[in-house]
Protein backbone atom coordinates (compact mmCIF):
# COMPACT_ATOMS: atom_id res chain seq x y z
CA MET A 1 -31.77 3.95 133.73
CA PRO A 2 -30.49 6.27 135.58
CA LEU A 3 -26.25 6.18 134.68
CA ASP A 4 -24.11 3.96 137.32
CA ILE A 5 -21.22 6.72 137.63
CA SER A 6 -20.82 5.98 141.54
CA ASN A 7 -16.87 5.26 140.44
CA SER A 8 -16.57 8.40 138.92
CA ASN A 9 -14.74 11.42 140.14
CA SER A 10 -15.16 13.50 136.64
CA ILE A 11 -19.24 13.45 136.83
CA PRO A 12 -20.74 17.34 136.93
CA ARG A 13 -22.58 17.01 140.62
CA TYR A 14 -24.86 20.25 139.21
CA ILE A 15 -25.53 21.15 136.38
CA ALA A 16 -27.63 23.97 134.87
CA ILE A 17 -29.74 24.39 131.07
CA GLU A 18 -29.65 27.99 129.84
CA GLY A 19 -30.99 28.89 126.75
CA PRO A 20 -33.67 31.22 125.04
CA ILE A 21 -37.35 30.30 125.12
CA GLY A 22 -38.56 27.35 123.87
CA VAL A 23 -35.06 25.83 122.70
CA GLY A 24 -36.09 22.90 125.27
CA LYS A 25 -34.07 23.40 128.85
CA THR A 26 -36.91 21.72 130.79
CA SER A 27 -37.48 18.54 128.54
CA LEU A 28 -33.49 17.82 128.71
CA ALA A 29 -33.00 18.89 132.58
CA LYS A 30 -35.59 16.00 133.42
CA ARG A 31 -34.06 13.50 131.00
CA LEU A 32 -30.53 14.33 132.49
CA ALA A 33 -32.08 13.87 135.80
CA GLU A 34 -33.70 10.69 134.85
CA SER A 35 -30.24 10.07 133.79
CA PHE A 36 -27.87 10.77 136.29
CA ASN A 37 -30.30 9.94 139.40
CA TYR A 38 -30.15 13.21 140.64
CA GLU A 39 -32.54 15.96 142.02
CA ILE A 40 -34.20 18.29 139.63
CA LEU A 41 -35.16 21.95 139.97
CA LEU A 42 -37.14 23.84 137.62
CA GLU A 43 -38.43 27.17 136.68
CA LYS A 44 -42.20 27.54 138.14
CA SER A 45 -42.90 29.89 135.36
CA GLY A 46 -46.59 28.57 135.53
CA GLU A 47 -46.88 30.33 138.79
CA ASN A 48 -46.02 33.80 137.70
CA PRO A 49 -49.70 35.64 137.61
CA PHE A 50 -48.57 38.12 135.35
CA LEU A 51 -47.07 35.51 133.07
CA ASP A 52 -49.63 35.78 130.33
CA ARG A 53 -50.61 39.16 131.02
CA PHE A 54 -46.67 40.14 129.97
CA TYR A 55 -47.30 38.63 126.55
CA HIS A 56 -50.50 40.50 125.50
CA ASP A 57 -48.76 43.71 127.24
CA PRO A 58 -45.33 43.36 127.14
CA ARG A 59 -44.83 47.57 128.46
CA GLN A 60 -47.09 47.71 131.09
CA MET A 61 -46.45 43.91 132.81
CA ALA A 62 -42.98 43.85 132.23
CA LEU A 63 -41.48 45.26 135.60
CA ALA A 64 -43.99 42.85 137.71
CA THR A 65 -43.10 39.84 135.61
CA GLN A 66 -40.29 40.60 135.95
CA LEU A 67 -40.05 40.98 140.29
CA PHE A 68 -41.87 37.77 140.24
CA PHE A 69 -39.83 36.13 138.86
CA LEU A 70 -36.66 37.24 140.46
CA PHE A 71 -38.07 37.18 144.08
CA GLN A 72 -39.09 33.06 143.17
CA ARG A 73 -35.90 32.43 142.01
CA ALA A 74 -34.34 33.80 144.98
CA GLN A 75 -36.30 31.59 147.33
CA GLN A 76 -35.86 28.60 145.64
CA LEU A 77 -31.90 29.14 146.29
CA GLN A 78 -32.69 30.55 149.42
CA GLU A 79 -35.18 27.13 150.37
CA LEU A 80 -31.53 25.21 149.25
CA ARG A 81 -29.58 26.78 150.86
CA GLN A 82 -31.62 26.80 153.84
CA ASP A 83 -31.75 22.91 153.65
CA ASP A 84 -28.15 22.35 153.31
CA MET A 85 -29.57 20.66 149.67
CA PHE A 86 -26.63 21.81 147.16
CA GLN A 87 -24.63 19.10 149.14
CA PRO A 88 -26.34 16.51 146.92
CA VAL A 89 -26.85 15.83 143.33
CA ARG A 90 -28.98 18.19 141.26
CA VAL A 91 -30.47 19.53 137.53
CA ALA A 92 -31.41 22.36 136.97
CA ASP A 93 -33.62 24.67 134.13
CA PHE A 94 -32.05 27.79 134.91
CA LEU A 95 -28.99 30.20 136.36
CA ILE A 96 -30.13 32.63 138.44
CA GLU A 97 -28.06 35.47 136.69
CA LYS A 98 -30.71 34.42 133.84
CA ASP A 99 -33.09 36.81 135.22
CA ARG A 100 -31.06 39.97 135.00
CA LEU A 101 -30.33 39.06 131.21
CA PHE A 102 -34.66 39.05 130.80
CA ALA A 103 -34.55 42.34 132.62
CA SER A 104 -32.64 44.21 129.97
CA GLN A 105 -34.42 43.27 127.51
CA ASN A 106 -38.11 43.65 129.32
CA LEU A 107 -37.79 46.92 131.05
CA ASP A 108 -37.13 50.12 130.73
CA GLN A 109 -33.81 52.40 131.56
CA ASP A 110 -35.47 53.56 134.84
CA GLU A 111 -37.69 50.05 135.54
CA PHE A 112 -34.11 48.09 135.21
CA LEU A 113 -32.23 50.67 137.72
CA LEU A 114 -35.13 49.72 139.99
CA TYR A 115 -35.00 46.41 139.65
CA GLU A 116 -30.58 46.44 139.39
CA LYS A 117 -31.40 47.74 143.41
CA VAL A 118 -33.76 44.86 144.23
CA TYR A 119 -31.88 42.67 142.16
CA GLU A 120 -28.79 44.24 144.35
CA HIS A 121 -29.87 42.93 148.04
CA LEU A 122 -31.95 39.92 146.59
CA THR A 123 -28.75 38.18 144.98
CA ILE A 124 -27.81 35.85 147.05
CA ASP A 125 -24.56 33.72 147.44
CA ALA A 126 -25.85 31.10 144.22
CA PRO A 127 -23.48 28.28 144.58
CA GLN A 128 -21.67 27.56 141.10
CA PRO A 129 -22.74 25.00 138.39
CA ASP A 130 -20.02 22.65 137.94
CA LEU A 131 -21.45 21.92 134.06
CA VAL A 132 -23.63 24.71 132.33
CA ILE A 133 -24.96 23.52 129.51
CA TYR A 134 -26.03 26.59 126.84
CA LEU A 135 -28.61 25.13 123.96
CA GLN A 136 -28.26 27.47 121.12
CA ALA A 137 -30.96 27.71 118.41
CA PRO A 138 -32.00 29.58 116.24
CA VAL A 139 -35.75 32.02 115.82
CA ASP A 140 -37.30 30.00 112.98
CA VAL A 141 -36.71 26.47 115.16
CA LEU A 142 -37.40 28.35 118.63
CA LEU A 143 -41.03 29.49 116.88
CA GLU A 144 -41.42 26.17 115.81
CA ARG A 145 -41.03 24.40 119.41
CA ILE A 146 -42.95 27.30 121.04
CA GLN A 147 -46.16 26.41 118.33
CA GLY A 148 -45.13 22.65 119.06
CA ARG A 149 -45.72 23.13 122.69
CA GLY A 150 -48.77 24.60 122.49
CA ILE A 151 -49.19 27.03 125.73
CA ALA A 152 -51.20 29.62 124.58
CA ALA A 153 -50.19 33.27 125.70
CA GLU A 154 -46.32 31.92 124.44
CA GLN A 155 -47.96 32.38 121.01
CA LEU A 156 -47.57 35.60 121.26
CA ILE A 157 -44.37 36.12 121.48
CA GLU A 158 -42.67 37.92 118.16
CA PRO A 159 -39.78 36.97 116.17
CA ARG A 160 -37.82 40.62 117.11
CA TYR A 161 -37.86 38.82 120.72
CA LEU A 162 -36.61 36.37 120.36
CA GLU A 163 -33.27 37.60 118.38
CA ASN A 164 -32.61 40.07 121.32
CA LEU A 165 -33.05 37.73 123.71
CA ILE A 166 -30.84 35.66 121.27
CA ASP A 167 -28.17 38.29 121.38
CA ALA A 168 -28.66 39.09 125.17
CA TYR A 169 -27.91 34.97 125.64
CA THR A 170 -24.88 35.53 122.87
CA ASN A 171 -22.88 38.44 124.61
CA PHE A 172 -24.21 36.51 128.32
CA PHE A 173 -21.79 33.63 127.42
CA HIS A 174 -19.52 35.29 125.36
CA TYR A 175 -18.07 36.64 128.41
CA TYR A 176 -19.40 33.30 131.08
CA ASP A 177 -16.25 31.75 133.02
CA SER A 178 -18.31 30.38 136.09
CA SER A 179 -18.58 27.20 135.20
CA THR A 180 -17.49 24.49 132.61
CA LEU A 181 -19.21 25.84 129.53
CA LEU A 182 -20.64 23.65 126.94
CA VAL A 183 -22.50 24.89 124.32
CA VAL A 184 -24.99 23.14 122.28
CA ASN A 185 -25.99 23.88 118.82
CA SER A 186 -29.49 22.11 119.05
CA SER A 187 -31.16 23.49 116.10
CA GLU A 188 -31.23 20.45 114.10
CA ILE A 189 -31.42 17.32 116.81
CA ASP A 190 -34.67 15.81 119.06
CA LEU A 191 -33.58 15.68 122.57
CA VAL A 192 -36.58 15.13 123.52
CA ASN A 193 -38.06 12.35 121.18
CA SER A 194 -34.59 10.97 120.09
CA ASP A 195 -32.88 8.72 122.33
CA GLU A 196 -29.63 8.78 119.25
CA ASP A 197 -29.34 12.46 119.47
CA TYR A 198 -29.52 12.49 123.55
CA GLU A 199 -27.17 9.86 123.84
CA GLN A 200 -25.03 11.66 121.99
CA LEU A 201 -24.70 14.16 123.77
CA LEU A 202 -24.70 12.37 127.32
CA ASP A 203 -21.59 10.54 125.57
CA TYR A 204 -20.22 14.46 125.71
CA ILE A 205 -20.83 15.41 128.60
CA LEU A 206 -19.24 12.04 130.45
CA THR A 207 -15.61 13.73 128.29
CA THR A 208 -16.18 17.26 128.95
CA ARG A 209 -13.20 18.56 130.79
CA LYS A 210 -13.93 20.39 133.81
CA GLY A 211 -12.84 24.34 133.87
CA SER A 212 -13.42 23.96 130.01
CA ARG A 213 -15.39 25.58 126.98
CA ASN A 214 -16.59 23.30 124.75
CA TYR A 215 -19.02 23.22 121.58
CA PHE A 216 -21.44 20.19 120.93
CA ASN A 217 -22.13 20.21 116.77
CA PRO A 218 -23.80 16.99 116.15
CA ARG A 219 -25.13 15.50 113.43
CA PRO A 220 -28.66 14.87 113.37
CA SER A 221 -30.21 11.92 113.69
CA LEU A 222 -33.13 9.76 111.00
CA ILE A 223 -35.95 9.59 112.48
């Protein structure tokens, strides 16, 4: 059921959720959108025709996969700007900056230089979220969740790839100061199936101070 937030000026009007593959970004975005009665903006990874082939042959398909995602994400944000859609409230399961983060992991040096040139021309003046929620979890938890959601191509993801991705996210958010940041240790909680875990997080979001860096390390519920 949506929350009654009509009288609150402290509620973030644009929330973005980030974190490595399998950490639960989209699931949390959907729950928050329902709770706040917000519009939802989701990545469309299923529309990338190169993604399955990337998991089978990362070296050969990395550049095509990454450029498709870059064009797609830039188009999503541009369409929102054209429709003046950044005034209403919303939840997104990505930051545009994550595209460059993945590119730095997946591309070789020459490919990344080419990607950077395209990125510089495409990067739009994307509005900054009021709140960024960074979901963390260790490799073994991510692998378990990836296996559990049963996407065939994702079963090819190797632990080393996830380790590198986690390191890249850690480094990125260590220096991140563009929005209020909430770092969530999600390794021992279930924000999808546990109402208690989710409501703990929701309560914390409602008390997060604007412009601050916050850490949420909840105790897991017994479900």
